[in-house]
PDB file of N, CA and C in Angstrom:
ATOM      1  N   UNK A   1       0.783  -1.213  -0.099  1.00  0.00           N
ATOM      2  CA  UNK A   1       0.040   0.091  -0.106  1.00  0.00           C
ATOM      3  C   UNK A   1       0.890   1.174   0.124  1.00  0.00           C
ATOM      4  N   UNK A   2       0.682   2.172  -0.905  1.00  0.00           N
ATOM      5  CA  UNK A   2       1.358   3.273  -0.951  1.00  0.00           C
ATOM      6  C   UNK A   2       0.893   4.558   0.006  1.00  0.00           C
ATOM      7  N   UNK A   3       1.838   5.118   0.785  1.00  0.00           N
ATOM      8  CA  UNK A   3       1.552   5.962   1.649  1.00  0.00           C
ATOM      9  C   UNK A   3       1.208   7.021   0.851  1.00  0.00           C
ATOM     10  N   UNK A   4       0.120   7.739   1.418  1.00  0.00           N
ATOM     11  CA  UNK A   4      -0.348   9.117   1.021  1.00  0.00           C
ATOM     12  C   UNK A   4      -0.333  10.191   2.046  1.00  0.00           C
ATOM     13  N   UNK A   5      -0.256  11.691   1.610  1.00  0.00           N
ATOM     14  CA  UNK A   5      -0.416  12.702   2.603  1.00  0.00           C
ATOM     15  C   UNK A   5      -1.630  13.313   2.195  1.00  0.00           C
ATOM     16  N   UNK A   6      -2.584  13.759   3.088  1.00  0.00           N
ATOM     17  CA  UNK A   6      -3.952  14.377   2.638  1.00  0.00           C
ATOM     18  C   UNK A   6      -3.744  15.826   3.091  1.00  0.00           C
ATOM     19  N   UNK A   7      -3.808  16.653   2.157  1.00  0.00           N
ATOM     20  CA  UNK A   7      -3.443  18.133   2.409  1.00  0.00           C
ATOM     21  C   UNK A   7      -4.896  18.909   2.461  1.00  0.00           C
ATOM     22  N   UNK A   8      -5.206  19.934   3.583  1.00  0.00           N
ATOM     23  CA  UNK A   8      -6.374  20.481   3.542  1.00  0.00           C
ATOM     24  C   UNK A   8      -5.879  22.108   3.613  1.00  0.00           C
ATOM     25  N   UNK A   9      -7.049  22.897   3.503  1.00  0.00           N
ATOM     26  CA  UNK A   9      -6.674  24.323   3.412  1.00  0.00           C
ATOM     27  C   UNK A   9      -5.581  24.917   2.555  1.00  0.00           C
ATOM     28  N   UNK A  10      -5.923  24.185   1.214  1.00  0.00           N
ATOM     29  CA  UNK A  10      -5.048  24.537   0.071  1.00  0.00           C
ATOM     30  C   UNK A  10      -5.121  26.058  -0.500  1.00  0.00           C
ATOM     31  N   UNK A  11      -3.922  26.623  -0.548  1.00  0.00           N
ATOM     32  CA  UNK A  11      -3.777  28.013  -0.980  1.00  0.00           C
ATOM     33  C   UNK A  11      -2.811  28.149  -2.121  1.00  0.00           C
ATOM     34  N   UNK A  12      -3.117  29.048  -2.807  1.00  0.00           N
ATOM     35  CA  UNK A  12      -2.188  29.631  -3.704  1.00  0.00           C
ATOM     36  C   UNK A  12      -2.376  29.309  -5.190  1.00  0.00           C
ATOM     37  N   UNK A  13      -1.884  29.944  -6.170  1.00  0.00           N
ATOM     38  CA  UNK A  13      -2.028  29.766  -7.442  1.00  0.00           C
ATOM     39  C   UNK A  13      -1.007  29.194  -8.418  1.00  0.00           C
ATOM     40  N   UNK A  14      -0.035  29.839  -8.459  1.00  0.00           N
ATOM     41  CA  UNK A  14       1.403  29.128  -9.175  1.00  0.00           C
ATOM     42  C   UNK A  14       1.944  27.970  -8.295  1.00  0.00           C
ATOM     43  N   UNK A  15       2.158  28.200  -7.120  1.00  0.00           N
ATOM     44  CA  UNK A  15       2.528  26.917  -6.205  1.00  0.00           C
ATOM     45  C   UNK A  15       1.479  27.090  -4.931  1.00  0.00           C
ATOM     46  N   UNK A  16       1.106  25.797  -4.852  1.00  0.00           N
ATOM     47  CA  UNK A  16       0.187  25.630  -3.606  1.00  0.00           C
ATOM     48  C   UNK A  16       0.736  25.269  -2.470  1.00  0.00           C
ATOM     49  N   UNK A  17      -0.044  25.316  -1.472  1.00  0.00           N
ATOM     50  CA  UNK A  17       0.340  24.804  -0.092  1.00  0.00           C
ATOM     51  C   UNK A  17      -0.810  24.433   0.686  1.00  0.00           C
ATOM     52  N   UNK A  18      -0.399  23.551   1.408  1.00  0.00           N
ATOM     53  CA  UNK A  18      -1.410  22.938   2.238  1.00  0.00           C
ATOM     54  C   UNK A  18      -1.094  22.413   3.646  1.00  0.00           C
ATOM     55  N   UNK A  19      -2.092  21.979   4.525  1.00  0.00           N
ATOM     56  CA  UNK A  19      -1.689  21.417   5.929  1.00  0.00           C
ATOM     57  C   UNK A  19      -1.996  19.944   6.214  1.00  0.00           C
ATOM     58  N   UNK A  20      -1.308  19.140   6.479  1.00  0.00           N
ATOM     59  CA  UNK A  20      -1.574  17.728   6.690  1.00  0.00           C
ATOM     60  C   UNK A  20      -2.393  17.492   8.172  1.00  0.00           C
ATOM     61  N   UNK A  21      -2.532  16.383   8.228  1.00  0.00           N
ATOM     62  CA  UNK A  21      -3.477  16.092   9.795  1.00  0.00           C
ATOM     63  C   UNK A  21      -2.474  16.253  10.788  1.00  0.00           C
ATOM     64  N   UNK A  22      -1.221  16.295  10.827  1.00  0.00           N
ATOM     65  CA  UNK A  22      -0.518  16.595  11.789  1.00  0.00           C
ATOM     66  C   UNK A  22      -0.114  18.103  12.096  1.00  0.00           C
ATOM     67  N   UNK A  23      -0.608  18.872  11.391  1.00  0.00           N
ATOM     68  CA  UNK A  23      -0.482  20.512  11.439  1.00  0.00           C
ATOM     69  C   UNK A  23       0.613  20.951  10.566  1.00  0.00           C
ATOM     70  N   UNK A  24       1.443  19.923   9.860  1.00  0.00           N
ATOM     71  CA  UNK A  24       2.732  20.417   9.005  1.00  0.00           C
ATOM     72  C   UNK A  24       1.919  21.058   7.765  1.00  0.00           C
ATOM     73  N   UNK A  25       3.041  22.178   7.348  1.00  0.00           N
ATOM     74  CA  UNK A  25       2.648  22.973   5.994  1.00  0.00           C
ATOM     75  C   UNK A  25       3.563  22.372   4.934  1.00  0.00           C
ATOM     76  N   UNK A  26       2.979  22.182   4.054  1.00  0.00           N
ATOM     77  CA  UNK A  26       3.824  21.388   2.533  1.00  0.00           C
ATOM     78  C   UNK A  26       3.352  22.480   1.624  1.00  0.00           C
ATOM     79  N   UNK A  27       4.412  22.689   0.581  1.00  0.00           N
ATOM     80  CA  UNK A  27       4.459  23.510  -0.466  1.00  0.00           C
ATOM     81  C   UNK A  27       5.137  22.878  -1.858  1.00  0.00           C
ATOM     82  N   UNK A  28       4.278  23.274  -2.644  1.00  0.00           N
ATOM     83  CA  UNK A  28       4.896  22.646  -4.008  1.00  0.00           C
ATOM     84  C   UNK A  28       6.133  23.218  -4.500  1.00  0.00           C
ATOM     85  N   UNK A  29       7.048  22.623  -5.024  1.00  0.00           N
ATOM     86  CA  UNK A  29       8.296  23.102  -5.584  1.00  0.00           C
ATOM     87  C   UNK A  29       8.621  22.535  -6.834  1.00  0.00           C
ATOM     88  N   UNK A  30       9.402  23.306  -7.677  1.00  0.00           N
ATOM     89  CA  UNK A  30      10.316  23.029  -8.777  1.00  0.00           C
ATOM     90  C   UNK A  30      11.683  23.391  -8.440  1.00  0.00           C
ATOM     91  N   UNK A  31      12.448  22.296  -9.002  1.00  0.00           N
ATOM     92  CA  UNK A  31      13.804  22.689  -8.980  1.00  0.00           C
ATOM     93  C   UNK A  31      14.291  23.353  -9.986  1.00  0.00           C
ATOM     94  N   UNK A  32      14.979  24.550  -9.691  1.00  0.00           N
ATOM     95  CA  UNK A  32      15.529  25.484 -10.632  1.00  0.00           C
ATOM     96  C   UNK A  32      16.802  25.225 -10.735  1.00  0.00           C
ATOM     97  N   UNK A  33      17.209  24.680 -11.964  1.00  0.00           N
ATOM     98  CA  UNK A  33      18.731  24.310 -12.410  1.00  0.00           C
ATOM     99  C   UNK A  33      19.511  25.598 -12.655  1.00  0.00           C
ATOM    100  N   UNK A  34      18.874  26.515 -12.991  1.00  0.00           N
ATOM    101  CA  UNK A  34      19.601  27.709 -13.440  1.00  0.00           C
ATOM    102  C   UNK A  34      20.246  28.516 -12.050  1.00  0.00           C
ATOM    103  N   UNK A  35      19.435  28.063 -11.086  1.00  0.00           N
ATOM    104  CA  UNK A  35      19.834  28.545  -9.595  1.00  0.00           C
ATOM    105  C   UNK A  35      20.747  27.813  -8.878  1.00  0.00           C
ATOM    106  N   UNK A  36      21.217  26.772  -9.573  1.00  0.00           N
ATOM    107  CA  UNK A  36      22.010  25.934  -8.885  1.00  0.00           C
ATOM    108  C   UNK A  36      21.431  24.931  -7.835  1.00  0.00           C
ATOM    109  N   UNK A  37      20.049  24.794  -7.840  1.00  0.00           N
ATOM    110  CA  UNK A  37      19.291  23.853  -7.033  1.00  0.00           C
ATOM    111  C   UNK A  37      19.342  22.370  -7.521  1.00  0.00           C
ATOM    112  N   UNK A  38      19.737  21.288  -6.516  1.00  0.00           N
ATOM    113  CA  UNK A  38      19.779  20.003  -6.816  1.00  0.00           C
ATOM    114  C   UNK A  38      18.483  19.451  -6.523  1.00  0.00           C
ATOM    115  N   UNK A  39      18.170  18.169  -7.355  1.00  0.00           N
ATOM    116  CA  UNK A  39      17.011  17.516  -7.457  1.00  0.00           C
ATOM    117  C   UNK A  39      16.702  16.827  -5.964  1.00  0.00           C
ATOM    118  N   UNK A  40      15.479  16.848  -5.757  1.00  0.00           N
ATOM    119  CA  UNK A  40      15.175  16.207  -4.321  1.00  0.00           C
ATOM    120  C   UNK A  40      15.160  14.643  -4.214  1.00  0.00           C
ATOM    121  N   UNK A  41      14.649  14.003  -3.323  1.00  0.00           N
ATOM    122  CA  UNK A  41      14.314  12.675  -3.274  1.00  0.00           C
ATOM    123  C   UNK A  41      13.253  12.463  -2.412  1.00  0.00           C
ATOM    124  N   UNK A  42      12.361  11.465  -2.977  1.00  0.00           N
ATOM    125  CA  UNK A  42      11.052  11.346  -2.335  1.00  0.00           C
ATOM    126  C   UNK A  42      11.252  10.465  -1.094  1.00  0.00           C
ATOM    127  N   UNK A  43      10.792  10.871  -0.018  1.00  0.00           N
ATOM    128  CA  UNK A  43      11.203   9.947   1.390  1.00  0.00           C
ATOM    129  C   UNK A  43      10.177   8.862   1.339  1.00  0.00           C
ATOM    130  N   UNK A  44       8.919   8.781   0.334  1.00  0.00           N
ATOM    131  CA  UNK A  44       8.159   7.549   0.665  1.00  0.00           C
ATOM    132  C   UNK A  44       8.779   6.582  -0.445  1.00  0.00           C
ATOM    133  N   UNK A  45       8.805   7.026  -1.846  1.00  0.00           N
ATOM    134  CA  UNK A  45       9.547   5.833  -2.568  1.00  0.00           C
ATOM    135  C   UNK A  45      10.818   5.942  -3.323  1.00  0.00           C
ATOM    136  N   UNK A  46      11.398   6.901  -2.715  1.00  0.00           N
ATOM    137  CA  UNK A  46      12.853   7.382  -3.217  1.00  0.00           C
ATOM    138  C   UNK A  46      13.214   7.673  -4.845  1.00  0.00           C
ATOM    139  N   UNK A  47      12.077   8.376  -5.302  1.00  0.00           N
ATOM    140  CA  UNK A  47      12.353   8.790  -6.763  1.00  0.00           C
ATOM    141  C   UNK A  47      13.013  10.148  -6.417  1.00  0.00           C
ATOM    142  N   UNK A  48      13.763  10.428  -7.593  1.00  0.00           N
ATOM    143  CA  UNK A  48      14.589  11.586  -7.786  1.00  0.00           C
ATOM    144  C   UNK A  48      13.316  12.548  -8.171  1.00  0.00           C
ATOM    145  N   UNK A  49      13.597  13.856  -7.558  1.00  0.00           N
ATOM    146  CA  UNK A  49      12.409  14.789  -8.069  1.00  0.00           C
ATOM    147  C   UNK A  49      13.014  16.215  -8.656  1.00  0.00           C
ATOM    148  N   UNK A  50      12.327  16.394  -9.537  1.00  0.00           N
ATOM    149  CA  UNK A  50      12.481  17.769 -10.269  1.00  0.00           C
ATOM    150  C   UNK A  50      11.317  18.739  -9.862  1.00  0.00           C
ATOM    151  N   UNK A  51      10.272  18.209  -9.164  1.00  0.00           N
ATOM    152  CA  UNK A  51       9.112  19.161  -8.540  1.00  0.00           C
ATOM    153  C   UNK A  51       8.367  17.937  -7.626  1.00  0.00           C
ATOM    154  N   UNK A  52       7.512  18.454  -6.690  1.00  0.00           N
ATOM    155  CA  UNK A  52       7.149  17.659  -5.939  1.00  0.00           C
ATOM    156  C   UNK A  52       6.413  18.566  -4.788  1.00  0.00           C
ATOM    157  N   UNK A  53       6.364  18.077  -3.413  1.00  0.00           N
ATOM    158  CA  UNK A  53       6.002  18.770  -2.278  1.00  0.00           C
ATOM    159  C   UNK A  53       6.916  18.694  -1.092  1.00  0.00           C
ATOM    160  N   UNK A  54       7.331  19.718  -0.692  1.00  0.00           N
ATOM    161  CA  UNK A  54       8.284  20.071   0.529  1.00  0.00           C
ATOM    162  C   UNK A  54       7.515  20.241   1.628  1.00  0.00           C
ATOM    163  N   UNK A  55       7.720  19.559   2.923  1.00  0.00           N
ATOM    164  CA  UNK A  55       7.405  19.909   4.180  1.00  0.00           C
ATOM    165  C   UNK A  55       8.095  21.094   4.647  1.00  0.00           C
ATOM    166  N   UNK A  56       7.412  22.001   4.925  1.00  0.00           N
ATOM    167  CA  UNK A  56       8.053  23.300   5.499  1.00  0.00           C
ATOM    168  C   UNK A  56       8.489  23.098   7.149  1.00  0.00           C
ATOM    169  N   UNK A  57       8.108  22.348   7.476  1.00  0.00           N
ATOM    170  CA  UNK A  57       8.275  22.047   8.956  1.00  0.00           C
ATOM    171  C   UNK A  57       9.299  20.948   9.192  1.00  0.00           C
ATOM    172  N   UNK A  58       9.921  20.574   8.168  1.00  0.00           N
ATOM    173  CA  UNK A  58      11.009  19.413   8.441  1.00  0.00           C
ATOM    174  C   UNK A  58      11.864  19.067   7.182  1.00  0.00           C
ATOM    175  N   UNK A  59      11.591  19.659   6.221  1.00  0.00           N
ATOM    176  CA  UNK A  59      12.399  19.557   4.910  1.00  0.00           C
ATOM    177  C   UNK A  59      12.109  18.314   3.923  1.00  0.00           C
ATOM    178  N   UNK A  60      11.200  17.276   4.656  1.00  0.00           N
ATOM    179  CA  UNK A  60      11.006  16.136   3.564  1.00  0.00           C
ATOM    180  C   UNK A  60      10.350  16.455   2.198  1.00  0.00           C
ATOM    181  N   UNK A  61      10.799  15.878   1.387  1.00  0.00           N
ATOM    182  CA  UNK A  61      10.106  15.906   0.076  1.00  0.00           C
ATOM    183  C   UNK A  61       9.367  14.662  -0.502  1.00  0.00           C
ATOM    184  N   UNK A  62       8.276  14.989  -1.266  1.00  0.00           N
ATOM    185  CA  UNK A  62       7.574  13.718  -1.516  1.00  0.00           C
ATOM    186  C   UNK A  62       7.028  13.838  -3.083  1.00  0.00           C
ATOM    187  N   UNK A  63       6.746  12.971  -3.934  1.00  0.00           N
ATOM    188  CA  UNK A  63       6.379  12.992  -5.302  1.00  0.00           C
ATOM    189  C   UNK A  63       4.868  13.548  -5.295  1.00  0.00           C
ATOM    190  N   UNK A  64       4.599  14.212  -6.397  1.00  0.00           N
ATOM    191  CA  UNK A  64       3.063  14.672  -6.556  1.00  0.00           C
ATOM    192  C   UNK A  64       2.040  13.372  -6.142  1.00  0.00           C
ATOM    193  N   UNK A  65       2.502  12.280  -6.759  1.00  0.00           N
ATOM    194  CA  UNK A  65       1.489  11.041  -6.390  1.00  0.00           C
ATOM    195  C   UNK A  65       1.278  10.568  -5.073  1.00  0.00           C
ATOM    196  N   UNK A  66       2.028  11.259  -4.248  1.00  0.00           N
ATOM    197  CA  UNK A  66       1.851  10.732  -2.726  1.00  0.00           C
ATOM    198  C   UNK A  66       1.109  11.816  -2.179  1.00  0.00           C
ATOM    199  N   UNK A  67       0.310  12.762  -2.829  1.00  0.00           N
ATOM    200  CA  UNK A  67      -0.269  13.770  -2.132  1.00  0.00           C
ATOM    201  C   UNK A  67      -1.783  14.019  -2.650  1.00  0.00           C
ATOM    202  N   UNK A  68      -2.767  14.138  -1.708  1.00  0.00           N
ATOM    203  CA  UNK A  68      -4.187  14.262  -1.853  1.00  0.00           C
ATOM    204  C   UNK A  68      -4.409  15.557  -1.723  1.00  0.00           C
ATOM    205  N   UNK A  69      -5.168  16.318  -2.365  1.00  0.00           N
ATOM    206  CA  UNK A  69      -5.713  17.795  -2.056  1.00  0.00           C
ATOM    207  C   UNK A  69      -7.145  17.726  -1.608  1.00  0.00           C
ATOM    208  N   UNK A  70      -7.552  17.802  -0.498  1.00  0.00           N
ATOM    209  CA  UNK A  70      -8.800  17.727   0.219  1.00  0.00           C
ATOM    210  C   UNK A  70      -9.529  18.826   0.065  1.00  0.00           C
ATOM    211  N   UNK A  71      -9.126  19.814   0.197  1.00  0.00           N
ATOM    212  CA  UNK A  71     -10.016  21.285   0.113  1.00  0.00           C
ATOM    213  C   UNK A  71      -9.211  22.338  -0.274  1.00  0.00           C
ATOM    214  N   UNK A  72      -9.978  23.365  -0.761  1.00  0.00           N
ATOM    215  CA  UNK A  72      -9.265  24.347  -1.327  1.00  0.00           C
ATOM    216  C   UNK A  72      -9.764  25.824  -0.748  1.00  0.00           C
ATOM    217  N   UNK A  73      -9.029  27.002  -0.553  1.00  0.00           N
ATOM    218  CA  UNK A  73      -9.652  28.296  -0.192  1.00  0.00           C
ATOM    219  C   UNK A  73      -8.624  29.037  -1.121  1.00  0.00           C
ATOM    220  N   UNK A  74      -9.408  29.963  -1.820  1.00  0.00           N
ATOM    221  CA  UNK A  74      -8.738  31.074  -2.698  1.00  0.00           C
ATOM    222  C   UNK A  74      -9.189  32.383  -2.370  1.00  0.00           C
TER     223      UNK A  74
END
């Protein structure tokens, strides 16, 4: 069974953010190679990431496929 992170209180247009069941804030990201940023690694499946979601309360990164957006506020 694949682990998922359910996010609520979704905000943002270009890059969205949301809160998980533990109160941690997650934000979408894209790696900017021109700014010398390095690719991330998904903490759930180990995939190399050019984009995904980063936990702002711990720095973990996950694939888009592991995130479920449950609600939105704009």
